């Protein structure tokens, strides 16, 4: 993720989707698609842990597709 700092920040500020993790109910996965990364067209996924009145980034990575989970945003109700 070296050189992807701006994309990581943009993913947190303007995500295309936010999904709740199946394996950790306190983790939210923020996704945004980018064309032309060093390894091709990929989603940036930023995993954020949300506990009490705090939140922090656990990790960020590139992926081909979003994971299944509870869709948090956009809300489709």
C-alpha atoms as a PDB file:
ATOM      1  CA  UNK A   1       0.000   0.000   0.000  1.00  0.00           C
ATOM      2  CA  UNK A   2       3.044   2.234  -0.306  1.00  0.00           C
ATOM      3  CA  UNK A   3       2.030   5.240  -2.374  1.00  0.00           C
ATOM      4  CA  UNK A   4      -1.672   4.579  -1.777  1.00  0.00           C
ATOM      5  CA  UNK A   5      -2.040   6.915   1.215  1.00  0.00           C
ATOM      6  CA  UNK A   6      -4.293   9.374  -0.654  1.00  0.00           C
ATOM      7  CA  UNK A   7      -6.501   6.545  -1.947  1.00  0.00           C
ATOM      8  CA  UNK A   8      -6.753   5.105   1.569  1.00  0.00           C
ATOM      9  CA  UNK A   9      -7.853   8.474   2.945  1.00  0.00           C
ATOM     10  CA  UNK A  10     -10.322   9.021   0.088  1.00  0.00           C
ATOM     11  CA  UNK A  11     -11.794   5.563   0.689  1.00  0.00           C
ATOM     12  CA  UNK A  12     -12.510   6.507   4.304  1.00  0.00           C
ATOM     13  CA  UNK A  13     -13.912   9.951   3.452  1.00  0.00           C
ATOM     14  CA  UNK A  14     -15.889   8.974   0.313  1.00  0.00           C
ATOM     15  CA  UNK A  15     -16.507   5.217   0.332  1.00  0.00           C
ATOM     16  CA  UNK A  16     -18.576   3.563  -2.375  1.00  0.00           C
ATOM     17  CA  UNK A  17     -19.690   0.935   0.144  1.00  0.00           C
ATOM     18  CA  UNK A  18     -19.284   0.107   3.825  1.00  0.00           C
ATOM     19  CA  UNK A  19     -19.846  -3.493   4.902  1.00  0.00           C
ATOM     20  CA  UNK A  20     -20.003  -4.963   8.393  1.00  0.00           C
ATOM     21  CA  UNK A  21     -17.676  -7.903   8.893  1.00  0.00           C
ATOM     22  CA  UNK A  22     -19.182 -11.357   9.489  1.00  0.00           C
ATOM     23  CA  UNK A  23     -16.199 -12.459  11.575  1.00  0.00           C
ATOM     24  CA  UNK A  24     -15.938  -9.327  13.781  1.00  0.00           C
ATOM     25  CA  UNK A  25     -19.086  -7.347  14.473  1.00  0.00           C
ATOM     26  CA  UNK A  26     -17.009  -4.310  15.489  1.00  0.00           C
ATOM     27  CA  UNK A  27     -15.147  -4.163  12.151  1.00  0.00           C
ATOM     28  CA  UNK A  28     -16.369  -2.158   9.167  1.00  0.00           C
ATOM     29  CA  UNK A  29     -14.878  -2.582   5.681  1.00  0.00           C
ATOM     30  CA  UNK A  30     -14.754   0.606   3.581  1.00  0.00           C
ATOM     31  CA  UNK A  31     -14.491   0.096  -0.187  1.00  0.00           C
ATOM     32  CA  UNK A  32     -13.703   2.338  -3.153  1.00  0.00           C
ATOM     33  CA  UNK A  33     -12.772   1.215  -6.681  1.00  0.00           C
ATOM     34  CA  UNK A  34      -9.639   2.550  -8.382  1.00  0.00           C
ATOM     35  CA  UNK A  35      -8.612   2.175 -12.019  1.00  0.00           C
ATOM     36  CA  UNK A  36      -4.932   1.701 -12.777  1.00  0.00           C
ATOM     37  CA  UNK A  37      -3.329   0.802  -9.458  1.00  0.00           C
ATOM     38  CA  UNK A  38       0.125  -0.818  -9.604  1.00  0.00           C
ATOM     39  CA  UNK A  39      -1.615  -4.199  -9.858  1.00  0.00           C
ATOM     40  CA  UNK A  40      -4.517  -3.207 -12.114  1.00  0.00           C
ATOM     41  CA  UNK A  41      -8.056  -2.086 -11.436  1.00  0.00           C
ATOM     42  CA  UNK A  42      -8.834  -2.896  -7.795  1.00  0.00           C
ATOM     43  CA  UNK A  43     -10.906  -1.966  -4.787  1.00  0.00           C
ATOM     44  CA  UNK A  44      -9.119  -0.348  -1.872  1.00  0.00           C
ATOM     45  CA  UNK A  45     -10.464  -1.898   1.328  1.00  0.00           C
ATOM     46  CA  UNK A  46      -9.840  -0.124   4.629  1.00  0.00           C
ATOM     47  CA  UNK A  47     -10.814  -2.126   7.718  1.00  0.00           C
ATOM     48  CA  UNK A  48     -11.913   0.047  10.642  1.00  0.00           C
ATOM     49  CA  UNK A  49     -12.529  -1.256  14.171  1.00  0.00           C
ATOM     50  CA  UNK A  50     -15.321   0.637  15.952  1.00  0.00           C
ATOM     51  CA  UNK A  51     -15.428   0.297  19.746  1.00  0.00           C
ATOM     52  CA  UNK A  52     -17.343   2.437  22.236  1.00  0.00           C
ATOM     53  CA  UNK A  53     -16.565   6.054  21.359  1.00  0.00           C
ATOM     54  CA  UNK A  54     -13.473   5.301  19.279  1.00  0.00           C
ATOM     55  CA  UNK A  55     -12.500   3.939  15.876  1.00  0.00           C
ATOM     56  CA  UNK A  56      -9.150   3.070  14.324  1.00  0.00           C
ATOM     57  CA  UNK A  57      -7.785   1.569  11.124  1.00  0.00           C
ATOM     58  CA  UNK A  58      -6.736  -2.074  11.437  1.00  0.00           C
ATOM     59  CA  UNK A  59      -5.421  -2.543   7.901  1.00  0.00           C
ATOM     60  CA  UNK A  60      -5.855  -1.581   4.260  1.00  0.00           C
ATOM     61  CA  UNK A  61      -5.409  -3.720   1.164  1.00  0.00           C
ATOM     62  CA  UNK A  62      -6.243  -4.055  -2.533  1.00  0.00           C
ATOM     63  CA  UNK A  63      -8.835  -6.615  -3.636  1.00  0.00           C
ATOM     64  CA  UNK A  64     -10.745  -7.722  -6.731  1.00  0.00           C
ATOM     65  CA  UNK A  65     -14.156  -7.766  -5.064  1.00  0.00           C
ATOM     66  CA  UNK A  66     -15.988  -6.685  -1.946  1.00  0.00           C
ATOM     67  CA  UNK A  67     -16.661  -9.173   0.840  1.00  0.00           C
ATOM     68  CA  UNK A  68     -20.151 -10.246   1.726  1.00  0.00           C
ATOM     69  CA  UNK A  69     -21.507  -8.872   4.961  1.00  0.00           C
ATOM     70  CA  UNK A  70     -24.122  -6.559   6.384  1.00  0.00           C
ATOM     71  CA  UNK A  71     -24.320  -3.495   4.162  1.00  0.00           C
ATOM     72  CA  UNK A  72     -23.983  -0.433   6.382  1.00  0.00           C
ATOM     73  CA  UNK A  73     -23.695   2.221   3.673  1.00  0.00           C
ATOM     74  CA  UNK A  74     -25.323   3.105   1.402  1.00  0.00           C
ATOM     75  CA  UNK A  75     -28.397   2.160   3.340  1.00  0.00           C
ATOM     76  CA  UNK A  76     -30.848   0.432   1.006  1.00  0.00           C
ATOM     77  CA  UNK A  77     -33.939   0.585   3.193  1.00  0.00           C
END
